[in-house]
């Protein structure tokens, strides 16, 4: 599989319309994961956010969603969609056995991106 570039995934994530970003996440990881990633209680929010011209997530939720997309995409490009979803939802030794989705929700950008990049390059992230 192709190797993701840090700048390429970041640029893609930054330029992407939030509705398209949420729709892509809904399709690949599911609305329940998107809801958890965004840190919202409303189970219907990911569906509404995915609609063209629909409501936009609050700025804090948008930050989480963009981080989540960036992390997911980093793993997905290199490892495929099934592995990327399993990686997001599984206990991670590089994150103190916590799930990456929890780090996304807490906006622990450096830690979760480092863990994703270490996973795809098979190295240890300090």
PDB file of N, CA and C in Angstrom:
ATOM      1  N   UNK A   1       0.838  -1.188   0.000  1.00  0.00           N
ATOM      2  CA  UNK A   1       0.000   0.000   0.000  1.00  0.00           C
ATOM      3  C   UNK A   1       0.878   1.246   0.000  1.00  0.00           C
ATOM      4  N   UNK A   2       0.292   2.333  -0.427  1.00  0.00           N
ATOM      5  CA  UNK A   2       1.064   3.564  -0.477  1.00  0.00           C
ATOM      6  C   UNK A   2       1.358   4.076   0.930  1.00  0.00           C
ATOM      7  N   UNK A   3       2.428   4.791   1.067  1.00  0.00           N
ATOM      8  CA  UNK A   3       2.832   5.337   2.354  1.00  0.00           C
ATOM      9  C   UNK A   3       2.282   6.756   2.514  1.00  0.00           C
ATOM     10  N   UNK A   4       1.618   7.034   3.640  1.00  0.00           N
ATOM     11  CA  UNK A   4       1.086   8.385   3.826  1.00  0.00           C
ATOM     12  C   UNK A   4       2.214   9.368   4.106  1.00  0.00           C
ATOM     13  N   UNK A   5       2.014  10.585   3.688  1.00  0.00           N
ATOM     14  CA  UNK A   5       2.962  11.623   4.075  1.00  0.00           C
ATOM     15  C   UNK A   5       2.287  12.455   5.140  1.00  0.00           C
ATOM     16  N   UNK A   6       3.045  12.884   6.115  1.00  0.00           N
ATOM     17  CA  UNK A   6       2.486  13.693   7.195  1.00  0.00           C
ATOM     18  C   UNK A   6       1.837  14.942   6.634  1.00  0.00           C
ATOM     19  N   UNK A   7       2.556  15.621   5.745  1.00  0.00           N
ATOM     20  CA  UNK A   7       2.041  16.863   5.173  1.00  0.00           C
ATOM     21  C   UNK A   7       0.839  16.615   4.289  1.00  0.00           C
ATOM     22  N   UNK A   8       0.856  15.533   3.522  1.00  0.00           N
ATOM     23  CA  UNK A   8      -0.244  15.228   2.621  1.00  0.00           C
ATOM     24  C   UNK A   8      -1.549  14.953   3.358  1.00  0.00           C
ATOM     25  N   UNK A   9      -1.484  14.144   4.389  1.00  0.00           N
ATOM     26  CA  UNK A   9      -2.681  13.842   5.175  1.00  0.00           C
ATOM     27  C   UNK A   9      -3.151  15.091   5.913  1.00  0.00           C
ATOM     28  N   UNK A  10      -2.219  15.864   6.437  1.00  0.00           N
ATOM     29  CA  UNK A  10      -2.586  17.100   7.122  1.00  0.00           C
ATOM     30  C   UNK A  10      -3.267  18.066   6.161  1.00  0.00           C
ATOM     31  N   UNK A  11      -2.695  18.251   4.977  1.00  0.00           N
ATOM     32  CA  UNK A  11      -3.273  19.168   3.992  1.00  0.00           C
ATOM     33  C   UNK A  11      -4.658  18.699   3.560  1.00  0.00           C
ATOM     34  N   UNK A  12      -4.803  17.395   3.307  1.00  0.00           N
ATOM     35  CA  UNK A  12      -6.111  16.842   2.932  1.00  0.00           C
ATOM     36  C   UNK A  12      -7.146  17.131   4.003  1.00  0.00           C
ATOM     37  N   UNK A  13      -6.776  16.883   5.248  1.00  0.00           N
ATOM     38  CA  UNK A  13      -7.685  17.081   6.378  1.00  0.00           C
ATOM     39  C   UNK A  13      -8.066  18.548   6.527  1.00  0.00           C
ATOM     40  N   UNK A  14      -7.108  19.418   6.389  1.00  0.00           N
ATOM     41  CA  UNK A  14      -7.339  20.850   6.557  1.00  0.00           C
ATOM     42  C   UNK A  14      -8.243  21.403   5.467  1.00  0.00           C
ATOM     43  N   UNK A  15      -8.044  20.963   4.245  1.00  0.00           N
ATOM     44  CA  UNK A  15      -8.801  21.496   3.115  1.00  0.00           C
ATOM     45  C   UNK A  15     -10.208  20.900   2.976  1.00  0.00           C
ATOM     46  N   UNK A  16     -10.442  19.787   3.586  1.00  0.00           N
ATOM     47  CA  UNK A  16     -11.692  19.068   3.393  1.00  0.00           C
ATOM     48  C   UNK A  16     -12.866  19.789   4.045  1.00  0.00           C
ATOM     49  N   UNK A  17     -13.961  19.899   3.312  1.00  0.00           N
ATOM     50  CA  UNK A  17     -15.198  20.448   3.861  1.00  0.00           C
ATOM     51  C   UNK A  17     -15.645  19.559   5.020  1.00  0.00           C
ATOM     52  N   UNK A  18     -16.106  20.162   6.103  1.00  0.00           N
ATOM     53  CA  UNK A  18     -16.454  19.393   7.302  1.00  0.00           C
ATOM     54  C   UNK A  18     -17.563  18.382   7.027  1.00  0.00           C
ATOM     55  N   UNK A  19     -18.514  18.724   6.160  1.00  0.00           N
ATOM     56  CA  UNK A  19     -19.598  17.787   5.833  1.00  0.00           C
ATOM     57  C   UNK A  19     -19.029  16.560   5.107  1.00  0.00           C
ATOM     58  N   UNK A  20     -18.103  16.785   4.177  1.00  0.00           N
ATOM     59  CA  UNK A  20     -17.474  15.675   3.456  1.00  0.00           C
ATOM     60  C   UNK A  20     -16.630  14.830   4.399  1.00  0.00           C
ATOM     61  N   UNK A  21     -15.914  15.484   5.297  1.00  0.00           N
ATOM     62  CA  UNK A  21     -15.073  14.789   6.261  1.00  0.00           C
ATOM     63  C   UNK A  21     -15.917  13.875   7.139  1.00  0.00           C
ATOM     64  N   UNK A  22     -17.020  14.397   7.667  1.00  0.00           N
ATOM     65  CA  UNK A  22     -17.889  13.591   8.538  1.00  0.00           C
ATOM     66  C   UNK A  22     -18.525  12.455   7.745  1.00  0.00           C
ATOM     67  N   UNK A  23     -18.964  12.736   6.530  1.00  0.00           N
ATOM     68  CA  UNK A  23     -19.568  11.700   5.696  1.00  0.00           C
ATOM     69  C   UNK A  23     -18.568  10.564   5.446  1.00  0.00           C
ATOM     70  N   UNK A  24     -17.315  10.912   5.170  1.00  0.00           N
ATOM     71  CA  UNK A  24     -16.287   9.898   4.951  1.00  0.00           C
ATOM     72  C   UNK A  24     -16.061   9.073   6.215  1.00  0.00           C
ATOM     73  N   UNK A  25     -15.966   9.748   7.354  1.00  0.00           N
ATOM     74  CA  UNK A  25     -15.799   9.013   8.616  1.00  0.00           C
ATOM     75  C   UNK A  25     -17.004   8.123   8.902  1.00  0.00           C
ATOM     76  N   UNK A  26     -18.215   8.636   8.694  1.00  0.00           N
ATOM     77  CA  UNK A  26     -19.416   7.828   8.909  1.00  0.00           C
ATOM     78  C   UNK A  26     -19.372   6.553   8.074  1.00  0.00           C
ATOM     79  N   UNK A  27     -18.954   6.691   6.817  1.00  0.00           N
ATOM     80  CA  UNK A  27     -18.909   5.546   5.905  1.00  0.00           C
ATOM     81  C   UNK A  27     -17.860   4.522   6.310  1.00  0.00           C
ATOM     82  N   UNK A  28     -16.742   4.982   6.856  1.00  0.00           N
ATOM     83  CA  UNK A  28     -15.627   4.075   7.109  1.00  0.00           C
ATOM     84  C   UNK A  28     -15.490   3.593   8.552  1.00  0.00           C
ATOM     85  N   UNK A  29     -15.871   4.419   9.513  1.00  0.00           N
ATOM     86  CA  UNK A  29     -15.740   3.982  10.908  1.00  0.00           C
ATOM     87  C   UNK A  29     -17.078   3.902  11.625  1.00  0.00           C
ATOM     88  N   UNK A  30     -18.113   4.470  11.028  1.00  0.00           N
ATOM     89  CA  UNK A  30     -19.455   4.411  11.612  1.00  0.00           C
ATOM     90  C   UNK A  30     -19.793   5.628  12.449  1.00  0.00           C
ATOM     91  N   UNK A  31     -21.069   5.951  12.453  1.00  0.00           N
ATOM     92  CA  UNK A  31     -21.544   7.142  13.155  1.00  0.00           C
ATOM     93  C   UNK A  31     -21.324   7.073  14.662  1.00  0.00           C
ATOM     94  N   UNK A  32     -21.375   5.885  15.235  1.00  0.00           N
ATOM     95  CA  UNK A  32     -21.156   5.760  16.678  1.00  0.00           C
ATOM     96  C   UNK A  32     -19.727   6.138  17.044  1.00  0.00           C
ATOM     97  N   UNK A  33     -18.766   5.722  16.229  1.00  0.00           N
ATOM     98  CA  UNK A  33     -17.369   6.090  16.459  1.00  0.00           C
ATOM     99  C   UNK A  33     -17.191   7.589  16.247  1.00  0.00           C
ATOM    100  N   UNK A  34     -17.841   8.135  15.221  1.00  0.00           N
ATOM    101  CA  UNK A  34     -17.759   9.574  14.956  1.00  0.00           C
ATOM    102  C   UNK A  34     -18.334  10.363  16.126  1.00  0.00           C
ATOM    103  N   UNK A  35     -19.459   9.911  16.657  1.00  0.00           N
ATOM    104  CA  UNK A  35     -20.066  10.560  17.817  1.00  0.00           C
ATOM    105  C   UNK A  35     -19.107  10.549  18.997  1.00  0.00           C
ATOM    106  N   UNK A  36     -18.500   9.407  19.252  1.00  0.00           N
ATOM    107  CA  UNK A  36     -17.551   9.288  20.359  1.00  0.00           C
ATOM    108  C   UNK A  36     -16.325  10.163  20.129  1.00  0.00           C
ATOM    109  N   UNK A  37     -15.816  10.134  18.907  1.00  0.00           N
ATOM    110  CA  UNK A  37     -14.659  10.930  18.538  1.00  0.00           C
ATOM    111  C   UNK A  37     -14.919  12.417  18.785  1.00  0.00           C
ATOM    112  N   UNK A  38     -16.111  12.873  18.404  1.00  0.00           N
ATOM    113  CA  UNK A  38     -16.471  14.294  18.525  1.00  0.00           C
ATOM    114  C   UNK A  38     -16.776  14.690  19.964  1.00  0.00           C
ATOM    115  N   UNK A  39     -17.068  13.715  20.813  1.00  0.00           N
ATOM    116  CA  UNK A  39     -17.372  14.011  22.209  1.00  0.00           C
ATOM    117  C   UNK A  39     -18.760  14.600  22.405  1.00  0.00           C
ATOM    118  N   UNK A  40     -19.734  14.125  21.611  1.00  0.00           N
ATOM    119  CA  UNK A  40     -21.106  14.620  21.731  1.00  0.00           C
ATOM    120  C   UNK A  40     -22.024  13.489  22.173  1.00  0.00           C
ATOM    121  N   UNK A  41     -23.144  13.848  22.777  1.00  0.00           N
ATOM    122  CA  UNK A  41     -24.105  12.853  23.260  1.00  0.00           C
ATOM    123  C   UNK A  41     -25.164  12.494  22.220  1.00  0.00           C
ATOM    124  N   UNK A  42     -25.429  13.398  21.323  1.00  0.00           N
ATOM    125  CA  UNK A  42     -26.488  13.223  20.333  1.00  0.00           C
ATOM    126  C   UNK A  42     -26.079  12.196  19.278  1.00  0.00           C
ATOM    127  N   UNK A  43     -26.763  11.047  19.273  1.00  0.00           N
ATOM    128  CA  UNK A  43     -26.427   9.979  18.335  1.00  0.00           C
ATOM    129  C   UNK A  43     -26.746  10.330  16.878  1.00  0.00           C
ATOM    130  N   UNK A  44     -27.612  11.313  16.673  1.00  0.00           N
ATOM    131  CA  UNK A  44     -27.981  11.678  15.300  1.00  0.00           C
ATOM    132  C   UNK A  44     -27.063  12.751  14.716  1.00  0.00           C
ATOM    133  N   UNK A  45     -26.250  13.377  15.535  1.00  0.00           N
ATOM    134  CA  UNK A  45     -25.392  14.475  15.073  1.00  0.00           C
ATOM    135  C   UNK A  45     -24.507  14.087  13.883  1.00  0.00           C
ATOM    136  N   UNK A  46     -23.815  12.943  13.917  1.00  0.00           N
ATOM    137  CA  UNK A  46     -22.953  12.613  12.771  1.00  0.00           C
ATOM    138  C   UNK A  46     -23.723  12.524  11.448  1.00  0.00           C
ATOM    139  N   UNK A  47     -24.958  12.071  11.497  1.00  0.00           N
ATOM    140  CA  UNK A  47     -25.765  11.983  10.276  1.00  0.00           C
ATOM    141  C   UNK A  47     -26.132  13.379   9.772  1.00  0.00           C
ATOM    142  N   UNK A  48     -26.492  14.258  10.692  1.00  0.00           N
ATOM    143  CA  UNK A  48     -26.857  15.630  10.303  1.00  0.00           C
ATOM    144  C   UNK A  48     -25.652  16.396   9.794  1.00  0.00           C
ATOM    145  N   UNK A  49     -24.500  16.221  10.439  1.00  0.00           N
ATOM    146  CA  UNK A  49     -23.283  16.901  10.014  1.00  0.00           C
ATOM    147  C   UNK A  49     -22.836  16.457   8.625  1.00  0.00           C
ATOM    148  N   UNK A  50     -23.165  15.232   8.259  1.00  0.00           N
ATOM    149  CA  UNK A  50     -22.736  14.680   6.974  1.00  0.00           C
ATOM    150  C   UNK A  50     -23.562  15.192   5.797  1.00  0.00           C
ATOM    151  N   UNK A  51     -24.685  15.815   6.071  1.00  0.00           N
ATOM    152  CA  UNK A  51     -25.554  16.313   5.002  1.00  0.00           C
ATOM    153  C   UNK A  51     -24.988  17.592   4.390  1.00  0.00           C
ATOM    154  N   UNK A  52     -24.894  17.654   3.057  1.00  0.00           N
ATOM    155  CA  UNK A  52     -24.452  18.900   2.421  1.00  0.00           C
ATOM    156  C   UNK A  52     -25.412  20.026   2.818  1.00  0.00           C
ATOM    157  N   UNK A  53     -24.873  21.111   3.283  1.00  0.00           N
ATOM    158  CA  UNK A  53     -25.705  22.231   3.716  1.00  0.00           C
ATOM    159  C   UNK A  53     -26.340  22.031   5.083  1.00  0.00           C
ATOM    160  N   UNK A  54     -26.039  20.926   5.739  1.00  0.00           N
ATOM    161  CA  UNK A  54     -26.581  20.662   7.067  1.00  0.00           C
ATOM    162  C   UNK A  54     -25.840  21.464   8.124  1.00  0.00           C
ATOM    163  N   UNK A  55     -26.218  21.277   9.375  1.00  0.00           N
ATOM    164  CA  UNK A  55     -25.529  22.005  10.447  1.00  0.00           C
ATOM    165  C   UNK A  55     -24.073  21.579  10.546  1.00  0.00           C
ATOM    166  N   UNK A  56     -23.256  22.481  11.019  1.00  0.00           N
ATOM    167  CA  UNK A  56     -21.845  22.168  11.241  1.00  0.00           C
ATOM    168  C   UNK A  56     -21.621  21.885  12.718  1.00  0.00           C
ATOM    169  N   UNK A  57     -20.688  20.999  13.020  1.00  0.00           N
ATOM    170  CA  UNK A  57     -20.341  20.755  14.424  1.00  0.00           C
ATOM    171  C   UNK A  57     -19.762  22.028  15.049  1.00  0.00           C
ATOM    172  N   UNK A  58     -19.904  22.150  16.373  1.00  0.00           N
ATOM    173  CA  UNK A  58     -19.255  23.253  17.087  1.00  0.00           C
ATOM    174  C   UNK A  58     -17.754  23.191  16.825  1.00  0.00           C
ATOM    175  N   UNK A  59     -17.074  24.283  17.064  1.00  0.00           N
ATOM    176  CA  UNK A  59     -15.641  24.355  16.734  1.00  0.00           C
ATOM    177  C   UNK A  59     -14.819  23.309  17.489  1.00  0.00           C
ATOM    178  N   UNK A  60     -15.144  23.033  18.756  1.00  0.00           N
ATOM    179  CA  UNK A  60     -14.384  22.023  19.493  1.00  0.00           C
ATOM    180  C   UNK A  60     -14.612  20.630  18.908  1.00  0.00           C
ATOM    181  N   UNK A  61     -15.840  20.338  18.502  1.00  0.00           N
ATOM    182  CA  UNK A  61     -16.128  19.050  17.872  1.00  0.00           C
ATOM    183  C   UNK A  61     -15.441  18.960  16.514  1.00  0.00           C
ATOM    184  N   UNK A  62     -15.416  20.074  15.778  1.00  0.00           N
ATOM    185  CA  UNK A  62     -14.717  20.076  14.487  1.00  0.00           C
ATOM    186  C   UNK A  62     -13.234  19.774  14.668  1.00  0.00           C
ATOM    187  N   UNK A  63     -12.629  20.335  15.696  1.00  0.00           N
ATOM    188  CA  UNK A  63     -11.208  20.063  15.957  1.00  0.00           C
ATOM    189  C   UNK A  63     -10.987  18.581  16.226  1.00  0.00           C
ATOM    190  N   UNK A  64     -11.861  17.987  17.012  1.00  0.00           N
ATOM    191  CA  UNK A  64     -11.740  16.554  17.311  1.00  0.00           C
ATOM    192  C   UNK A  64     -11.937  15.717  16.047  1.00  0.00           C
ATOM    193  N   UNK A  65     -12.939  16.100  15.252  1.00  0.00           N
ATOM    194  CA  UNK A  65     -13.227  15.349  14.027  1.00  0.00           C
ATOM    195  C   UNK A  65     -12.077  15.443  13.030  1.00  0.00           C
ATOM    196  N   UNK A  66     -11.502  16.616  12.896  1.00  0.00           N
ATOM    197  CA  UNK A  66     -10.362  16.763  11.976  1.00  0.00           C
ATOM    198  C   UNK A  66      -9.162  15.958  12.470  1.00  0.00           C
ATOM    199  N   UNK A  67      -8.933  15.966  13.768  1.00  0.00           N
ATOM    200  CA  UNK A  67      -7.858  15.139  14.321  1.00  0.00           C
ATOM    201  C   UNK A  67      -8.169  13.662  14.100  1.00  0.00           C
ATOM    202  N   UNK A  68      -9.394  13.270  14.369  1.00  0.00           N
ATOM    203  CA  UNK A  68      -9.786  11.873  14.167  1.00  0.00           C
ATOM    204  C   UNK A  68      -9.622  11.419  12.732  1.00  0.00           C
ATOM    205  N   UNK A  69     -10.024  12.276  11.804  1.00  0.00           N
ATOM    206  CA  UNK A  69      -9.864  11.948  10.389  1.00  0.00           C
ATOM    207  C   UNK A  69      -8.379  11.799  10.053  1.00  0.00           C
ATOM    208  N   UNK A  70      -7.596  12.733  10.540  1.00  0.00           N
ATOM    209  CA  UNK A  70      -6.153  12.712  10.250  1.00  0.00           C
ATOM    210  C   UNK A  70      -5.499  11.440  10.784  1.00  0.00           C
ATOM    211  N   UNK A  71      -5.863  11.057  11.993  1.00  0.00           N
ATOM    212  CA  UNK A  71      -5.312   9.837  12.596  1.00  0.00           C
ATOM    213  C   UNK A  71      -5.799   8.614  11.825  1.00  0.00           C
ATOM    214  N   UNK A  72      -7.107   8.547  11.590  1.00  0.00           N
ATOM    215  CA  UNK A  72      -7.676   7.415  10.854  1.00  0.00           C
ATOM    216  C   UNK A  72      -7.036   7.289   9.480  1.00  0.00           C
ATOM    217  N   UNK A  73      -6.923   8.413   8.782  1.00  0.00           N
ATOM    218  CA  UNK A  73      -6.388   8.402   7.412  1.00  0.00           C
ATOM    219  C   UNK A  73      -4.920   7.980   7.394  1.00  0.00           C
ATOM    220  N   UNK A  74      -4.145   8.397   8.391  1.00  0.00           N
ATOM    221  CA  UNK A  74      -2.736   7.999   8.484  1.00  0.00           C
ATOM    222  C   UNK A  74      -2.618   6.483   8.515  1.00  0.00           C
ATOM    223  N   UNK A  75      -3.449   5.831   9.315  1.00  0.00           N
ATOM    224  CA  UNK A  75      -3.400   4.372   9.412  1.00  0.00           C
ATOM    225  C   UNK A  75      -4.054   3.732   8.189  1.00  0.00           C
ATOM    226  N   UNK A  76      -5.177   4.272   7.748  1.00  0.00           N
ATOM    227  CA  UNK A  76      -5.940   3.682   6.642  1.00  0.00           C
ATOM    228  C   UNK A  76      -5.151   3.640   5.339  1.00  0.00           C
ATOM    229  N   UNK A  77      -4.437   4.708   5.025  1.00  0.00           N
ATOM    230  CA  UNK A  77      -3.677   4.762   3.769  1.00  0.00           C
ATOM    231  C   UNK A  77      -2.626   3.652   3.728  1.00  0.00           C
ATOM    232  N   UNK A  78      -2.012   3.392   4.849  1.00  0.00           N
ATOM    233  CA  UNK A  78      -0.932   2.424   4.905  1.00  0.00           C
ATOM    234  C   UNK A  78      -1.407   0.989   5.174  1.00  0.00           C
ATOM    235  N   UNK A  79      -2.439   0.855   6.001  1.00  0.00           N
ATOM    236  CA  UNK A  79      -2.834  -0.467   6.500  1.00  0.00           C
ATOM    237  C   UNK A  79      -4.205  -0.951   6.027  1.00  0.00           C
ATOM    238  N   UNK A  80      -5.018  -0.053   5.467  1.00  0.00           N
ATOM    239  CA  UNK A  80      -6.356  -0.437   5.016  1.00  0.00           C
ATOM    240  C   UNK A  80      -7.430  -0.057   6.021  1.00  0.00           C
ATOM    241  N   UNK A  81      -8.680  -0.025   5.570  1.00  0.00           N
ATOM    242  CA  UNK A  81      -9.773   0.463   6.414  1.00  0.00           C
ATOM    243  C   UNK A  81     -10.086  -0.411   7.626  1.00  0.00           C
ATOM    244  N   UNK A  82     -10.029  -1.727   7.487  1.00  0.00           N
ATOM    245  CA  UNK A  82     -10.349  -2.602   8.624  1.00  0.00           C
ATOM    246  C   UNK A  82      -9.328  -2.455   9.745  1.00  0.00           C
ATOM    247  N   UNK A  83      -8.064  -2.419   9.369  1.00  0.00           N
ATOM    248  CA  UNK A  83      -7.004  -2.256  10.364  1.00  0.00           C
ATOM    249  C   UNK A  83      -7.089  -0.878  11.017  1.00  0.00           C
ATOM    250  N   UNK A  84      -7.407   0.142  10.224  1.00  0.00           N
ATOM    251  CA  UNK A  84      -7.504   1.504  10.769  1.00  0.00           C
ATOM    252  C   UNK A  84      -8.598   1.582  11.822  1.00  0.00           C
ATOM    253  N   UNK A  85      -9.747   0.973  11.556  1.00  0.00           N
ATOM    254  CA  UNK A  85     -10.837   0.983  12.534  1.00  0.00           C
ATOM    255  C   UNK A  85     -10.445   0.192  13.783  1.00  0.00           C
ATOM    256  N   UNK A  86      -9.855  -0.965  13.593  1.00  0.00           N
ATOM    257  CA  UNK A  86      -9.421  -1.775  14.744  1.00  0.00           C
ATOM    258  C   UNK A  86      -8.389  -1.015  15.570  1.00  0.00           C
ATOM    259  N   UNK A  87      -7.490  -0.304  14.908  1.00  0.00           N
ATOM    260  CA  UNK A  87      -6.463   0.467  15.612  1.00  0.00           C
ATOM    261  C   UNK A  87      -7.098   1.577  16.437  1.00  0.00           C
ATOM    262  N   UNK A  88      -8.077   2.285  15.868  1.00  0.00           N
ATOM    263  CA  UNK A  88      -8.753   3.376  16.600  1.00  0.00           C
ATOM    264  C   UNK A  88      -9.442   2.883  17.863  1.00  0.00           C
ATOM    265  N   UNK A  89     -10.025   1.690  17.790  1.00  0.00           N
ATOM    266  CA  UNK A  89     -10.881   1.203  18.868  1.00  0.00           C
ATOM    267  C   UNK A  89     -10.196   0.241  19.838  1.00  0.00           C
ATOM    268  N   UNK A  90      -8.947  -0.099  19.565  1.00  0.00           N
ATOM    269  CA  UNK A  90      -8.257  -1.066  20.412  1.00  0.00           C
ATOM    270  C   UNK A  90      -7.354  -0.427  21.448  1.00  0.00           C
ATOM    271  N   UNK A  91      -7.104  -1.175  22.507  1.00  0.00           N
ATOM    272  CA  UNK A  91      -6.134  -0.727  23.510  1.00  0.00           C
ATOM    273  C   UNK A  91      -4.777  -0.600  22.827  1.00  0.00           C
ATOM    274  N   UNK A  92      -4.055   0.470  23.156  1.00  0.00           N
ATOM    275  CA  UNK A  92      -2.808   0.760  22.455  1.00  0.00           C
ATOM    276  C   UNK A  92      -1.664   0.869  23.451  1.00  0.00           C
ATOM    277  N   UNK A  93      -0.635   0.023  23.314  1.00  0.00           N
ATOM    278  CA  UNK A  93       0.473   0.060  24.268  1.00  0.00           C
ATOM    279  C   UNK A  93       1.236   1.384  24.252  1.00  0.00           C
ATOM    280  N   UNK A  94       1.226   2.093  23.120  1.00  0.00           N
ATOM    281  CA  UNK A  94       1.917   3.385  23.043  1.00  0.00           C
ATOM    282  C   UNK A  94       1.128   4.501  23.717  1.00  0.00           C
ATOM    283  N   UNK A  95      -0.117   4.200  24.057  1.00  0.00           N
ATOM    284  CA  UNK A  95      -0.977   5.193  24.716  1.00  0.00           C
ATOM    285  C   UNK A  95      -1.419   4.695  26.092  1.00  0.00           C
ATOM    286  N   UNK A  96      -0.553   3.960  26.748  1.00  0.00           N
ATOM    287  CA  UNK A  96      -0.857   3.458  28.087  1.00  0.00           C
ATOM    288  C   UNK A  96      -2.042   2.512  28.109  1.00  0.00           C
ATOM    289  N   UNK A  97      -2.205   1.729  27.037  1.00  0.00           N
ATOM    290  CA  UNK A  97      -3.302   0.766  26.870  1.00  0.00           C
ATOM    291  C   UNK A  97      -4.685   1.428  26.763  1.00  0.00           C
ATOM    292  N   UNK A  98      -4.707   2.715  26.500  1.00  0.00           N
ATOM    293  CA  UNK A  98      -5.969   3.420  26.237  1.00  0.00           C
ATOM    294  C   UNK A  98      -6.283   3.327  24.746  1.00  0.00           C
ATOM    295  N   UNK A  99      -7.548   3.541  24.407  1.00  0.00           N
ATOM    296  CA  UNK A  99      -7.947   3.548  23.009  1.00  0.00           C
ATOM    297  C   UNK A  99      -7.569   4.879  22.367  1.00  0.00           C
ATOM    298  N   UNK A 100      -7.061   4.868  21.140  1.00  0.00           N
ATOM    299  CA  UNK A 100      -6.760   6.119  20.443  1.00  0.00           C
ATOM    300  C   UNK A 100      -7.958   7.057  20.366  1.00  0.00           C
ATOM    301  N   UNK A 101      -9.148   6.523  20.262  1.00  0.00           N
ATOM    302  CA  UNK A 101     -10.351   7.358  20.179  1.00  0.00           C
ATOM    303  C   UNK A 101     -10.471   8.263  21.410  1.00  0.00           C
ATOM    304  N   UNK A 102     -10.032   7.788  22.577  1.00  0.00           N
ATOM    305  CA  UNK A 102     -10.062   8.604  23.797  1.00  0.00           C
ATOM    306  C   UNK A 102      -9.071   9.762  23.690  1.00  0.00           C
ATOM    307  N   UNK A 103      -7.924   9.509  23.095  1.00  0.00           N
ATOM    308  CA  UNK A 103      -6.929  10.572  22.907  1.00  0.00           C
ATOM    309  C   UNK A 103      -7.415  11.608  21.897  1.00  0.00           C
ATOM    310  N   UNK A 104      -8.148  11.149  20.904  1.00  0.00           N
ATOM    311  CA  UNK A 104      -8.731  12.079  19.935  1.00  0.00           C
ATOM    312  C   UNK A 104      -9.755  12.966  20.626  1.00  0.00           C
ATOM    313  N   UNK A 105     -10.621  12.358  21.411  1.00  0.00           N
ATOM    314  CA  UNK A 105     -11.664  13.108  22.125  1.00  0.00           C
ATOM    315  C   UNK A 105     -11.048  14.156  23.058  1.00  0.00           C
ATOM    316  N   UNK A 106      -9.897  13.838  23.639  1.00  0.00           N
ATOM    317  CA  UNK A 106      -9.218  14.762  24.550  1.00  0.00           C
ATOM    318  C   UNK A 106      -8.271  15.721  23.825  1.00  0.00           C
ATOM    319  N   UNK A 107      -8.241  15.637  22.493  1.00  0.00           N
ATOM    320  CA  UNK A 107      -7.363  16.461  21.650  1.00  0.00           C
ATOM    321  C   UNK A 107      -5.884  16.346  22.049  1.00  0.00           C
ATOM    322  N   UNK A 108      -5.474  15.135  22.350  1.00  0.00           N
ATOM    323  CA  UNK A 108      -4.061  14.869  22.643  1.00  0.00           C
ATOM    324  C   UNK A 108      -3.373  14.565  21.314  1.00  0.00           C
ATOM    325  N   UNK A 109      -3.222  15.623  20.544  1.00  0.00           N
ATOM    326  CA  UNK A 109      -2.773  15.523  19.158  1.00  0.00           C
ATOM    327  C   UNK A 109      -1.411  14.868  19.018  1.00  0.00           C
ATOM    328  N   UNK A 110      -0.435  15.380  19.712  1.00  0.00           N
ATOM    329  CA  UNK A 110       0.935  14.874  19.573  1.00  0.00           C
ATOM    330  C   UNK A 110       1.001  13.384  19.906  1.00  0.00           C
ATOM    331  N   UNK A 111       0.350  12.993  20.983  1.00  0.00           N
ATOM    332  CA  UNK A 111       0.424  11.604  21.427  1.00  0.00           C
ATOM    333  C   UNK A 111      -0.238  10.652  20.440  1.00  0.00           C
ATOM    334  N   UNK A 112      -1.457  10.977  20.014  1.00  0.00           N
ATOM    335  CA  UNK A 112      -2.195  10.051  19.159  1.00  0.00           C
ATOM    336  C   UNK A 112      -1.633  10.023  17.744  1.00  0.00           C
ATOM    337  N   UNK A 113      -1.204  11.169  17.212  1.00  0.00           N
ATOM    338  CA  UNK A 113      -0.574  11.157  15.892  1.00  0.00           C
ATOM    339  C   UNK A 113       0.769  10.418  15.940  1.00  0.00           C
ATOM    340  N   UNK A 114       1.512  10.609  17.024  1.00  0.00           N
ATOM    341  CA  UNK A 114       2.773   9.887  17.182  1.00  0.00           C
ATOM    342  C   UNK A 114       2.559   8.388  17.224  1.00  0.00           C
ATOM    343  N   UNK A 115       1.514   7.965  17.919  1.00  0.00           N
ATOM    344  CA  UNK A 115       1.213   6.536  17.992  1.00  0.00           C
ATOM    345  C   UNK A 115       0.796   5.995  16.623  1.00  0.00           C
ATOM    346  N   UNK A 116      -0.008   6.751  15.884  1.00  0.00           N
ATOM    347  CA  UNK A 116      -0.436   6.321  14.545  1.00  0.00           C
ATOM    348  C   UNK A 116       0.755   6.221  13.601  1.00  0.00           C
ATOM    349  N   UNK A 117       1.602   7.233  13.632  1.00  0.00           N
ATOM    350  CA  UNK A 117       2.772   7.239  12.755  1.00  0.00           C
ATOM    351  C   UNK A 117       3.746   6.123  13.132  1.00  0.00           C
ATOM    352  N   UNK A 118       3.886   5.865  14.422  1.00  0.00           N
ATOM    353  CA  UNK A 118       4.753   4.777  14.867  1.00  0.00           C
ATOM    354  C   UNK A 118       4.190   3.430  14.418  1.00  0.00           C
ATOM    355  N   UNK A 119       2.877   3.278  14.462  1.00  0.00           N
ATOM    356  CA  UNK A 119       2.248   2.035  14.039  1.00  0.00           C
ATOM    357  C   UNK A 119       2.519   1.757  12.561  1.00  0.00           C
ATOM    358  N   UNK A 120       2.300   2.763  11.723  1.00  0.00           N
ATOM    359  CA  UNK A 120       2.472   2.526  10.282  1.00  0.00           C
ATOM    360  C   UNK A 120       3.938   2.386   9.885  1.00  0.00           C
ATOM    361  N   UNK A 121       4.834   2.987  10.652  1.00  0.00           N
ATOM    362  CA  UNK A 121       6.262   2.848  10.326  1.00  0.00           C
ATOM    363  C   UNK A 121       6.932   1.762  11.153  1.00  0.00           C
ATOM    364  N   UNK A 122       6.145   1.136  12.063  1.00  0.00           N
ATOM    365  CA  UNK A 122       6.634   0.062  12.918  1.00  0.00           C
ATOM    366  C   UNK A 122       7.835   0.501  13.753  1.00  0.00           C
ATOM    367  N   UNK A 123       7.693   1.681  14.358  1.00  0.00           N
ATOM    368  CA  UNK A 123       8.733   2.191  15.245  1.00  0.00           C
ATOM    369  C   UNK A 123       8.091   2.562  16.574  1.00  0.00           C
ATOM    370  N   UNK A 124       8.909   2.921  17.525  1.00  0.00           N
ATOM    371  CA  UNK A 124       8.423   3.352  18.820  1.00  0.00           C
ATOM    372  C   UNK A 124       8.318   4.873  18.828  1.00  0.00           C
ATOM    373  N   UNK A 125       7.146   5.395  19.236  1.00  0.00           N
ATOM    374  CA  UNK A 125       6.963   6.843  19.352  1.00  0.00           C
ATOM    375  C   UNK A 125       7.269   7.272  20.763  1.00  0.00           C
ATOM    376  N   UNK A 126       8.176   8.193  20.921  1.00  0.00           N
ATOM    377  CA  UNK A 126       8.552   8.672  22.258  1.00  0.00           C
ATOM    378  C   UNK A 126       7.565   9.709  22.733  1.00  0.00           C
TER     379      UNK A 126
END
